[in-house]
Amino acid sequence: MRNLNKNVERLYTFMSSKTPLSSPAFGTQDQRAGLIAGIACYAIWGCMPFLFAALHRASPVEILGHRIVWSLVFCVIVLAVSSRLGKVRAALRDASLVRTLGLATLLILINWLVYVFAVSTSHVLDASHRYFINPLVTVLLAVVVQREKISPLTWVAVGFGTAAVVVLTVGMGKLPWISLALALSFGFYGLIKSRVGSRVDSLTSLSVETLLATPFALVFLIWLASQGESSFGSAHAVHSGLLVASGVITAVPLIFFGFAAQRLPLSTLGILQYLGPTLQFVFGLLVFKEPMPTARWIGFGLVWIAIVLFVFAAARHSRALALAQPKNQPLPR
């Protein structure tokens, strides 16, 4: 138990640290940690279709309810073991912060529900290419709201991403309302998480968000059970175990996302979002055997060009920062 406490303490300290340290590889060591967290976050999200496909016995709303409840349970356990529950109590006493996180809660719940609906109705590729709008919204918010400056090459990458969305939308032949719902909800969620990063760490923030949503989730799940329509406990044990695990799988990438949002420019976070839908594309095509018309091939090709351009721009920016660093300044070990 002592070793568990120490490990959780190290994890929490890593998640809560906000002190930037110089490093030539990616601006600062803090930004490098944010980049790793962002990649891990979107990699996990890219694998989410497997979980929701396995939970086909449950409705999207029931899955949403369990994700909320078990995410809160996971967060409380981590906070309790690391003796950090006081941070949640302090956050709840800040009325302004609670209102802001309440809006973030509403946005992420909309995003979860729409995404689970898309995947549970066998539209993994649709969910994938619809998520390609997210980075464009995030970069737009970074420029318009946060007043961030991005390089000309990054603008070119955004242009290719925009062209990909246009091609994919035309190929669908209808207004992609799910795309817009997913992109706008998560784009503004990322903006809120970025703005509250100086006031609350990612784990505490997520704990407050799930705490605000849990009463509604519990009422729905209890009502569902009273109607005999709950799949929890009525199906085989693996199904119920996966519903419980959905909370952990939900919480961990969101903690990573909050950590990354506090340390990376919003424009960088936006481009990283291409990783998740690219993985979903691979799974949808090779594992779920969904059709791949010409418009999708063209659209995904444009997106991959955008990713290559962004990576090149980021590498060039990192090299410029390294060269600008004073030679007499010691590098961190």
Protein backbone atom coordinates (compact mmCIF):
# COMPACT_ATOMS: atom_id res chain seq x y z
CA MET A 1 0.00 0.00 0.00
CA ARG A 2 2.91 2.34 0.80
CA ASN A 3 4.35 1.76 -2.68
CA LEU A 4 0.93 2.45 -4.23
CA ASN A 5 0.72 5.73 -2.34
CA LYS A 6 4.18 6.73 -3.56
CA ASN A 7 3.34 5.89 -7.18
CA VAL A 8 0.08 7.81 -7.09
CA GLU A 9 1.88 10.72 -5.45
CA ARG A 10 4.44 10.77 -8.27
CA LEU A 11 1.65 10.61 -10.88
CA TYR A 12 -0.25 13.44 -9.22
CA THR A 13 2.87 15.58 -8.87
CA PHE A 14 3.60 15.04 -12.58
CA MET A 15 0.03 15.99 -13.50
CA SER A 16 -0.05 19.04 -11.24
CA SER A 17 3.38 20.53 -12.00
CA LYS A 18 3.26 23.85 -13.85
CA THR A 19 6.87 25.07 -13.52
CA PRO A 20 8.43 25.53 -17.00
CA LEU A 21 11.99 24.27 -17.40
CA SER A 22 14.24 25.10 -20.32
CA SER A 23 14.86 22.44 -22.93
CA PRO A 24 15.93 22.78 -26.55
CA ALA A 25 13.88 19.85 -27.84
CA PHE A 26 10.44 21.42 -27.63
CA GLY A 27 10.59 24.94 -26.18
CA THR A 28 10.53 23.95 -22.50
CA GLN A 29 10.56 20.68 -20.61
CA ASP A 30 7.04 21.54 -19.45
CA GLN A 31 5.91 21.80 -23.08
CA ARG A 32 7.59 18.50 -23.90
CA ALA A 33 5.63 16.86 -21.09
CA GLY A 34 2.48 18.49 -22.46
CA LEU A 35 3.23 17.16 -25.93
CA ILE A 36 3.69 13.61 -24.60
CA ALA A 37 0.44 13.89 -22.64
CA GLY A 38 -1.38 15.19 -25.71
CA ILE A 39 -0.13 12.33 -27.90
CA ALA A 40 -1.09 9.77 -25.23
CA CYS A 41 -4.51 11.36 -24.88
CA TYR A 42 -5.37 11.22 -28.58
CA ALA A 43 -3.88 7.74 -28.97
CA ILE A 44 -6.24 6.43 -26.29
CA TRP A 45 -9.17 8.23 -27.87
CA GLY A 46 -8.22 6.76 -31.22
CA CYS A 47 -8.69 3.28 -29.76
CA MET A 48 -12.08 4.09 -28.17
CA PRO A 49 -14.16 2.45 -30.96
CA PHE A 50 -13.10 -0.98 -29.70
CA LEU A 51 -14.59 -0.26 -26.27
CA PHE A 52 -17.88 1.06 -27.58
CA ALA A 53 -18.21 -1.73 -30.12
CA ALA A 54 -17.85 -4.22 -27.26
CA LEU A 55 -20.61 -2.39 -25.33
CA HIS A 56 -23.22 -2.85 -28.05
CA ARG A 57 -25.74 -4.22 -25.53
CA ALA A 58 -26.00 -0.80 -23.86
CA SER A 59 -27.59 2.31 -25.34
CA PRO A 60 -25.42 5.41 -25.94
CA VAL A 61 -27.12 7.23 -23.04
CA GLU A 62 -26.52 4.31 -20.65
CA ILE A 63 -22.85 4.20 -21.65
CA LEU A 64 -22.65 7.94 -21.04
CA GLY A 65 -24.14 7.53 -17.56
CA HIS A 66 -21.64 4.85 -16.60
CA ARG A 67 -18.72 6.83 -18.01
CA ILE A 68 -19.65 9.75 -15.75
CA VAL A 69 -20.17 7.74 -12.56
CA TRP A 70 -17.13 5.51 -12.84
CA SER A 71 -14.92 8.42 -13.93
CA LEU A 72 -15.82 10.14 -10.66
CA VAL A 73 -15.07 6.97 -8.68
CA PHE A 74 -11.65 6.69 -10.32
CA CYS A 75 -10.84 10.36 -9.69
CA VAL A 76 -11.90 10.14 -6.03
CA ILE A 77 -9.71 7.07 -5.48
CA VAL A 78 -6.66 8.78 -6.97
CA LEU A 79 -7.30 11.98 -5.01
CA ALA A 80 -7.88 10.07 -1.76
CA VAL A 81 -4.74 7.95 -2.07
CA SER A 82 -2.68 11.04 -2.87
CA SER A 83 -4.34 13.07 -0.05
CA ARG A 84 -5.56 15.73 -2.49
CA LEU A 85 -9.32 15.74 -1.82
CA GLY A 86 -8.88 19.16 -0.25
CA LYS A 87 -8.12 20.60 -3.69
CA VAL A 88 -11.58 19.57 -4.89
CA ARG A 89 -13.22 21.13 -1.82
CA ALA A 90 -11.28 24.35 -2.45
CA ALA A 91 -12.34 24.38 -6.10
CA LEU A 92 -16.00 23.87 -5.15
CA ARG A 93 -15.83 26.94 -2.90
CA ASP A 94 -14.86 29.08 -5.91
CA ALA A 95 -18.24 29.98 -7.42
CA SER A 96 -16.73 31.49 -10.57
CA LEU A 97 -14.62 28.39 -11.19
CA VAL A 98 -17.60 26.07 -10.61
CA ARG A 99 -19.67 28.01 -13.16
CA THR A 100 -16.86 27.78 -15.71
CA LEU A 101 -16.35 24.05 -15.12
CA GLY A 102 -20.10 23.58 -15.26
CA LEU A 103 -20.04 24.90 -18.82
CA ALA A 104 -17.11 22.60 -19.59
CA THR A 105 -19.15 19.70 -18.18
CA LEU A 106 -22.07 20.45 -20.48
CA LEU A 107 -19.80 20.65 -23.52
CA ILE A 108 -17.97 17.38 -22.82
CA LEU A 109 -21.24 15.52 -22.11
CA ILE A 110 -22.60 16.62 -25.49
CA ASN A 111 -19.38 15.46 -27.12
CA TRP A 112 -19.42 12.06 -25.38
CA LEU A 113 -23.04 11.38 -26.24
CA VAL A 114 -22.73 12.28 -29.92
CA TYR A 115 -19.52 10.27 -30.29
CA VAL A 116 -20.90 7.14 -28.62
CA PHE A 117 -24.00 7.43 -30.82
CA ALA A 118 -21.84 7.61 -33.97
CA VAL A 119 -19.70 4.60 -33.04
CA SER A 120 -22.56 2.46 -31.68
CA THR A 121 -24.44 2.89 -34.96
CA SER A 122 -21.48 1.49 -36.96
CA HIS A 123 -20.12 4.77 -38.26
CA VAL A 124 -16.49 4.56 -37.12
CA LEU A 125 -15.13 6.14 -40.30
CA ASP A 126 -17.79 8.83 -40.14
CA ALA A 127 -16.80 9.60 -36.55
CA SER A 128 -13.19 9.66 -37.69
CA HIS A 129 -13.50 12.16 -40.52
CA ARG A 130 -16.00 14.23 -38.54
CA TYR A 131 -13.36 14.67 -35.86
CA PHE A 132 -11.05 16.22 -38.43
CA ILE A 133 -13.06 19.43 -38.06
CA ASN A 134 -11.98 19.68 -34.40
CA PRO A 135 -8.40 20.87 -35.04
CA LEU A 136 -9.65 23.58 -37.39
CA VAL A 137 -12.04 24.89 -34.74
CA THR A 138 -9.31 24.74 -32.08
CA VAL A 139 -6.78 26.62 -34.21
CA LEU A 140 -9.44 29.19 -35.11
CA LEU A 141 -10.21 29.73 -31.43
CA ALA A 142 -6.48 30.00 -30.71
CA VAL A 143 -6.10 32.80 -33.26
CA VAL A 144 -9.37 34.67 -32.67
CA VAL A 145 -9.87 34.27 -28.90
CA GLN A 146 -6.39 33.59 -27.52
CA ARG A 147 -4.62 35.90 -29.99
CA GLU A 148 -2.01 33.24 -30.66
CA LYS A 149 0.31 33.70 -33.62
CA ILE A 150 0.99 30.74 -35.87
CA SER A 151 3.62 30.39 -38.57
CA PRO A 152 2.84 30.67 -42.30
CA LEU A 153 3.63 26.97 -42.72
CA THR A 154 1.10 26.13 -40.01
CA TRP A 155 -1.46 28.21 -41.90
CA VAL A 156 -0.71 26.12 -44.98
CA ALA A 157 -1.28 22.98 -42.89
CA VAL A 158 -4.61 24.40 -41.70
CA GLY A 159 -5.49 25.11 -45.33
CA PHE A 160 -4.93 21.47 -46.29
CA GLY A 161 -7.00 20.40 -43.28
CA THR A 162 -9.81 22.72 -44.35
CA ALA A 163 -9.70 21.34 -47.88
CA ALA A 164 -9.95 17.83 -46.45
CA VAL A 165 -13.09 18.75 -44.48
CA VAL A 166 -14.66 20.27 -47.61
CA VAL A 167 -13.93 17.16 -49.68
CA LEU A 168 -15.26 14.83 -47.00
CA THR A 169 -18.38 16.95 -46.49
CA VAL A 170 -19.16 17.09 -50.22
CA GLY A 171 -18.56 13.35 -50.42
CA MET A 172 -21.20 12.81 -47.72
CA GLY A 173 -23.74 14.77 -49.72
CA LYS A 174 -25.43 16.28 -46.63
CA LEU A 175 -24.86 18.69 -43.78
CA PRO A 176 -22.54 16.96 -41.30
CA TRP A 177 -24.44 17.97 -38.16
CA ILE A 178 -22.63 15.34 -36.08
CA SER A 179 -19.31 16.74 -37.28
CA LEU A 180 -20.29 20.24 -36.23
CA ALA A 181 -21.61 19.10 -32.84
CA LEU A 182 -18.42 17.16 -32.10
CA ALA A 183 -16.09 19.89 -33.32
CA LEU A 184 -17.76 22.85 -31.63
CA SER A 185 -18.37 21.10 -28.31
CA PHE A 186 -14.79 19.84 -27.96
CA GLY A 187 -13.22 22.97 -29.40
CA PHE A 188 -14.83 25.20 -26.79
CA TYR A 189 -14.15 22.58 -24.11
CA GLY A 190 -10.45 22.79 -24.93
CA LEU A 191 -10.62 26.58 -24.80
CA ILE A 192 -12.15 26.50 -21.30
CA LYS A 193 -9.61 23.95 -20.06
CA SER A 194 -6.81 26.11 -21.40
CA ARG A 195 -8.12 29.20 -19.60
CA VAL A 196 -8.63 27.58 -16.18
CA GLY A 197 -5.24 25.85 -16.26
CA SER A 198 -3.66 28.49 -14.03
CA ARG A 199 -6.38 28.08 -11.39
CA VAL A 200 -6.87 24.33 -11.12
CA ASP A 201 -4.90 21.23 -12.13
CA SER A 202 -6.30 18.75 -14.65
CA LEU A 203 -7.27 15.99 -12.20
CA THR A 204 -9.10 18.36 -9.85
CA SER A 205 -10.83 19.98 -12.82
CA LEU A 206 -12.05 16.65 -14.16
CA SER A 207 -13.17 15.59 -10.66
CA VAL A 208 -15.33 18.70 -10.35
CA GLU A 209 -16.77 18.20 -13.84
CA THR A 210 -17.78 14.59 -13.18
CA LEU A 211 -19.06 15.51 -9.72
CA LEU A 212 -21.40 18.08 -11.25
CA ALA A 213 -22.72 15.56 -13.79
CA THR A 214 -22.95 12.48 -11.53
CA PRO A 215 -26.32 13.27 -9.83
CA PHE A 216 -28.04 13.42 -13.22
CA ALA A 217 -26.26 10.25 -14.39
CA LEU A 218 -27.23 8.35 -11.23
CA VAL A 219 -30.89 9.39 -11.52
CA PHE A 220 -30.99 8.15 -15.10
CA LEU A 221 -29.21 4.86 -14.35
CA ILE A 222 -31.50 4.15 -11.38
CA TRP A 223 -34.55 4.90 -13.50
CA LEU A 224 -33.22 2.66 -16.27
CA ALA A 225 -32.76 -0.20 -13.80
CA SER A 226 -36.26 0.31 -12.39
CA GLN A 227 -37.64 -0.10 -15.90
CA GLY A 228 -35.71 -3.35 -16.37
CA GLU A 229 -33.81 -1.85 -19.30
CA SER A 230 -30.34 -1.61 -17.74
CA SER A 231 -27.66 -3.82 -19.24
CA PHE A 232 -25.46 -3.49 -16.16
CA GLY A 233 -25.60 -6.76 -14.24
CA SER A 234 -28.14 -8.27 -16.61
CA ALA A 235 -25.60 -9.18 -19.30
CA HIS A 236 -22.45 -11.25 -18.78
CA ALA A 237 -19.81 -10.11 -16.29
CA VAL A 238 -17.42 -8.92 -19.01
CA HIS A 239 -19.99 -6.41 -20.23
CA SER A 240 -20.52 -4.98 -16.74
CA GLY A 241 -16.76 -4.90 -16.20
CA LEU A 242 -16.29 -2.92 -19.41
CA LEU A 243 -18.91 -0.41 -18.28
CA VAL A 244 -16.93 0.09 -15.08
CA ALA A 245 -13.67 0.28 -17.05
CA SER A 246 -15.20 2.93 -19.31
CA GLY A 247 -14.85 5.36 -16.42
CA VAL A 248 -11.12 4.81 -16.13
CA ILE A 249 -10.65 4.86 -19.90
CA THR A 250 -12.65 8.10 -19.98
CA ALA A 251 -10.86 9.80 -17.10
CA VAL A 252 -7.23 9.04 -17.97
CA PRO A 253 -7.15 10.69 -21.44
CA LEU A 254 -9.13 13.68 -20.15
CA ILE A 255 -6.56 14.15 -17.39
CA PHE A 256 -3.85 13.97 -20.05
CA PHE A 257 -5.81 16.45 -22.18
CA GLY A 258 -6.17 18.91 -19.32
CA PHE A 259 -2.46 18.55 -18.57
CA ALA A 260 -1.58 19.21 -22.22
CA ALA A 261 -4.03 22.12 -22.54
CA GLN A 262 -2.29 23.88 -19.63
CA ARG A 263 1.16 23.59 -21.20
CA LEU A 264 0.79 23.74 -24.99
CA PRO A 265 -0.35 26.56 -27.27
CA LEU A 266 -3.97 25.98 -28.24
CA SER A 267 -2.94 25.90 -31.91
CA THR A 268 -0.51 23.01 -31.23
CA LEU A 269 -3.20 21.17 -29.29
CA GLY A 270 -5.52 21.61 -32.25
CA ILE A 271 -3.16 19.98 -34.74
CA LEU A 272 -2.49 17.08 -32.37
CA GLN A 273 -6.17 16.22 -32.65
CA TYR A 274 -5.47 14.70 -36.07
CA LEU A 275 -3.90 11.68 -34.33
CA GLY A 276 -7.15 10.33 -32.88
CA PRO A 277 -9.24 10.31 -36.07
CA THR A 278 -6.31 8.92 -38.07
CA LEU A 279 -6.16 5.90 -35.75
CA GLN A 280 -9.93 5.57 -35.99
CA PHE A 281 -9.63 5.64 -39.76
CA VAL A 282 -7.15 2.75 -39.70
CA PHE A 283 -9.37 0.71 -37.37
CA GLY A 284 -12.54 1.50 -39.31
CA LEU A 285 -10.96 0.47 -42.59
CA LEU A 286 -8.90 -2.57 -41.56
CA VAL A 287 -10.75 -3.90 -38.50
CA PHE A 288 -14.40 -2.88 -38.90
CA LYS A 289 -14.25 -3.24 -42.72
CA GLU A 290 -16.25 -0.09 -43.44
CA PRO A 291 -16.49 1.19 -47.05
CA MET A 292 -13.92 3.72 -48.27
CA PRO A 293 -15.17 5.78 -51.24
CA THR A 294 -12.89 8.00 -53.31
CA ALA A 295 -13.86 11.21 -51.46
CA ARG A 296 -12.63 9.73 -48.20
CA TRP A 297 -9.31 8.70 -49.70
CA ILE A 298 -8.78 12.22 -51.05
CA GLY A 299 -9.85 13.81 -47.77
CA PHE A 300 -7.62 11.67 -45.62
CA GLY A 301 -4.72 12.22 -48.02
CA LEU A 302 -5.07 15.99 -47.61
CA VAL A 303 -5.15 15.60 -43.84
CA TRP A 304 -1.96 13.54 -43.81
CA ILE A 305 -0.24 16.26 -45.83
CA ALA A 306 -1.42 18.77 -43.20
CA ILE A 307 0.05 16.62 -40.42
CA VAL A 308 3.45 16.36 -42.17
CA LEU A 309 3.54 20.14 -42.68
CA PHE A 310 2.66 20.81 -39.05
CA VAL A 311 5.31 18.43 -37.73
CA PHE A 312 7.90 20.09 -39.96
CA ALA A 313 6.82 23.56 -38.75
CA ALA A 314 6.98 22.44 -35.10
CA ALA A 315 10.45 20.95 -35.58
CA ARG A 316 11.71 24.14 -37.21
CA HIS A 317 10.26 26.21 -34.37
CA SER A 318 11.93 23.98 -31.78
CA ARG A 319 15.29 24.31 -33.54
CA ALA A 320 14.93 28.10 -33.57
CA LEU A 321 14.24 28.12 -29.84
CA ALA A 322 17.28 25.92 -29.22
CA LEU A 323 19.55 28.23 -31.21
CA ALA A 324 18.15 31.27 -29.39
CA GLN A 325 18.94 29.80 -25.97
CA PRO A 326 21.95 31.47 -24.28
CA LYS A 327 25.03 29.29 -24.53
CA ASN A 328 25.98 29.85 -20.89
CA GLN A 329 22.58 28.62 -19.65
CA PRO A 330 22.88 25.04 -18.36
CA LEU A 331 20.49 22.50 -19.83
CA PRO A 332 18.33 20.41 -17.48
CA ARG A 333 19.32 16.82 -16.88
